[in-house]
Protein backbone atom coordinates (compact mmCIF):
# COMPACT_ATOMS: atom_id res chain seq x y z
CA MET A 1 98.63 116.89 99.88
CA ILE A 2 95.52 117.10 97.79
CA TYR A 3 92.47 118.20 99.77
CA THR A 4 89.10 117.05 98.45
CA GLU A 5 86.01 115.55 100.01
CA LEU A 6 87.39 112.08 99.22
CA THR A 7 90.89 112.71 100.56
CA ASN A 8 89.41 114.25 103.70
CA LYS A 9 87.43 111.00 104.24
CA ALA A 10 90.62 108.99 103.76
CA MET A 11 92.47 111.28 106.16
CA ARG A 12 89.84 110.87 108.87
CA ILE A 13 89.63 107.09 108.45
CA ALA A 14 93.42 106.67 108.50
CA TYR A 15 93.74 108.93 111.54
CA GLU A 16 91.09 107.04 113.51
CA ALA A 17 92.31 103.61 112.38
CA HIS A 18 95.95 104.24 113.33
CA HIS A 19 95.08 106.07 116.57
CA GLY A 20 97.23 104.68 119.38
CA GLN A 21 99.81 103.11 117.04
CA TYR A 22 103.44 104.24 117.17
CA ASP A 23 106.55 103.68 115.05
CA VAL A 24 109.89 102.40 116.39
CA ASN A 25 110.68 105.90 117.75
CA GLY A 26 107.42 106.20 119.62
CA VAL A 27 106.10 108.70 117.05
CA PRO A 28 102.38 108.40 116.21
CA TYR A 29 102.21 106.03 113.23
CA ILE A 30 99.78 108.25 111.31
CA PHE A 31 102.66 110.52 110.34
CA HIS A 32 103.94 107.78 108.01
CA PRO A 33 100.85 107.56 105.75
CA TYR A 34 100.51 111.35 105.89
CA HIS A 35 104.11 111.72 104.72
CA VAL A 36 103.53 109.26 101.87
CA ALA A 37 100.34 111.13 100.92
CA GLU A 38 102.27 114.41 100.80
CA GLN A 39 104.28 112.95 97.91
CA MET A 40 101.18 112.30 95.78
CA THR A 41 99.90 114.57 93.02
CA ASP A 42 96.25 113.56 92.56
CA GLU A 43 93.17 112.67 94.54
CA ILE A 44 93.26 108.90 94.00
CA THR A 45 96.92 108.35 94.85
CA THR A 46 96.53 110.62 97.89
CA CYS A 47 93.62 108.52 99.18
CA VAL A 48 95.52 105.29 98.55
CA ALA A 49 98.63 106.65 100.29
CA LEU A 50 96.61 107.63 103.35
CA LEU A 51 94.93 104.22 103.48
CA HIS A 52 97.81 102.00 102.34
CA ASP A 53 98.40 100.39 105.77
CA VAL A 54 94.85 100.50 107.13
CA ILE A 55 93.79 96.98 106.13
CA GLU A 56 97.12 95.40 107.05
CA ASP A 57 97.60 97.12 110.42
CA THR A 58 94.12 97.81 111.81
CA ASP A 59 90.69 96.21 112.23
CA ILE A 60 89.22 97.96 109.19
CA THR A 61 88.35 95.62 106.32
CA ILE A 62 88.55 96.16 102.59
CA GLU A 63 84.78 95.66 102.47
CA GLU A 64 84.30 98.62 104.81
CA LEU A 65 86.51 100.78 102.59
CA GLU A 66 84.58 99.65 99.51
CA GLN A 67 81.44 101.15 101.05
CA VAL A 68 83.11 104.58 101.18
CA PHE A 69 85.59 104.70 98.29
CA PRO A 70 85.49 103.89 94.58
CA ALA A 71 87.34 100.89 93.15
CA GLU A 72 90.06 103.26 91.88
CA VAL A 73 91.02 103.63 95.54
CA THR A 74 90.18 100.23 97.01
CA GLU A 75 91.84 98.04 94.37
CA PRO A 76 95.30 99.61 94.89
CA VAL A 77 94.76 99.48 98.68
CA ARG A 78 93.95 95.77 98.33
CA LEU A 79 97.19 95.24 96.37
CA LEU A 80 99.19 97.21 98.94
CA THR A 81 97.95 95.01 101.76
CA HIS A 82 100.72 92.48 102.39
CA GLU A 83 98.92 89.31 103.37
CA LYS A 84 100.46 87.04 105.98
CA GLY A 85 102.20 84.08 104.39
CA THR A 86 102.92 85.89 101.12
CA GLU A 87 106.59 86.30 100.31
CA TYR A 88 107.57 89.96 100.10
CA ILE A 89 108.82 89.74 96.50
CA ASP A 90 105.59 87.99 95.40
CA TYR A 91 103.69 90.87 97.03
CA ILE A 92 105.81 93.41 95.12
CA GLU A 93 105.26 91.50 91.87
CA LYS A 94 101.48 91.93 92.31
CA ILE A 95 101.85 95.65 92.95
CA LYS A 96 104.02 96.41 89.93
CA THR A 97 101.25 96.17 87.35
CA ASN A 98 98.98 98.75 89.00
CA PRO A 99 100.25 102.32 88.39
CA VAL A 100 98.56 103.76 91.49
CA ALA A 101 99.75 101.00 93.82
CA ARG A 102 103.23 101.19 92.29
CA THR A 103 103.45 104.97 92.79
CA VAL A 104 102.32 104.75 96.40
CA LYS A 105 104.59 101.79 97.17
CA LEU A 106 107.65 103.61 95.79
CA ALA A 107 106.89 106.57 98.08
CA ASP A 108 106.28 104.15 100.97
CA ILE A 109 109.63 102.45 100.32
CA ALA A 110 111.41 105.80 100.17
CA HIS A 111 110.02 106.78 103.56
CA ASN A 112 110.62 103.35 105.10
CA SER A 113 114.21 103.41 103.79
CA ASP A 114 114.97 106.75 105.42
CA MET A 115 117.14 105.61 108.31
CA SER A 116 117.26 109.17 109.68
CA ARG A 117 113.74 108.43 110.98
CA ILE A 118 115.30 106.05 113.51
CA THR A 119 116.74 108.29 116.19
CA ASP A 120 118.26 105.41 118.17
CA LEU A 121 119.82 102.92 115.75
CA ASN A 122 120.80 100.79 118.74
CA ALA A 123 117.11 100.16 119.40
CA VAL A 124 116.85 98.22 116.11
CA PRO A 125 119.09 95.17 115.61
CA ALA A 126 121.67 95.66 112.82
CA GLU A 127 120.47 92.45 111.12
CA LYS A 128 116.97 93.88 110.85
CA ILE A 129 118.26 97.09 109.24
CA ILE A 130 120.29 95.02 106.76
CA ARG A 131 117.17 92.94 105.91
CA TRP A 132 115.13 96.13 105.44
CA LYS A 133 117.74 97.63 103.11
CA ARG A 134 117.94 94.49 100.97
CA LYS A 135 114.18 94.11 100.84
CA TYR A 136 113.52 97.73 99.92
CA THR A 137 116.37 97.90 97.39
CA GLU A 138 115.02 94.84 95.54
CA ALA A 139 111.42 96.08 95.69
CA LYS A 140 112.42 99.50 94.36
CA ARG A 141 114.39 97.87 91.53
CA ILE A 142 111.39 95.75 90.50
CA LEU A 143 108.90 98.62 90.69
CA GLU A 144 111.09 101.17 88.91
CA LYS A 145 111.99 98.68 86.17
CA TYR A 146 108.32 98.05 85.48
CA GLN A 147 107.55 101.75 85.57
CA GLY A 148 109.79 102.20 82.55
């Protein structure tokens, strides 16, 4: 992880925003954005990784983030926010043109695709796991193809 004044702000905001949220294993959700951020190599992508689910999954708005972070951070976060009613592939198509959003989304997909994170596979219906695999495989193909 890159530690700067800006990434520390992102870390604190993500931690507070996701406080009380848990993944399917009952693990505090914040470990997911922290893991994604650990894969990043610069300040901007680290901030975006930490904040990538904040707008979608919490009460924080993009306008609030814009008061704290530069557009280099907030624009990719905006793209990474999957709006209700938007087809997943349409959402991925928007992301592919932004190098920061694309980099973070590929790391997000890698972590979300890691089935070893699910300690009780019986707790998640098999159909859901199959849908996740298809969705993430197609998204990864689109993003990596565009990356060159």
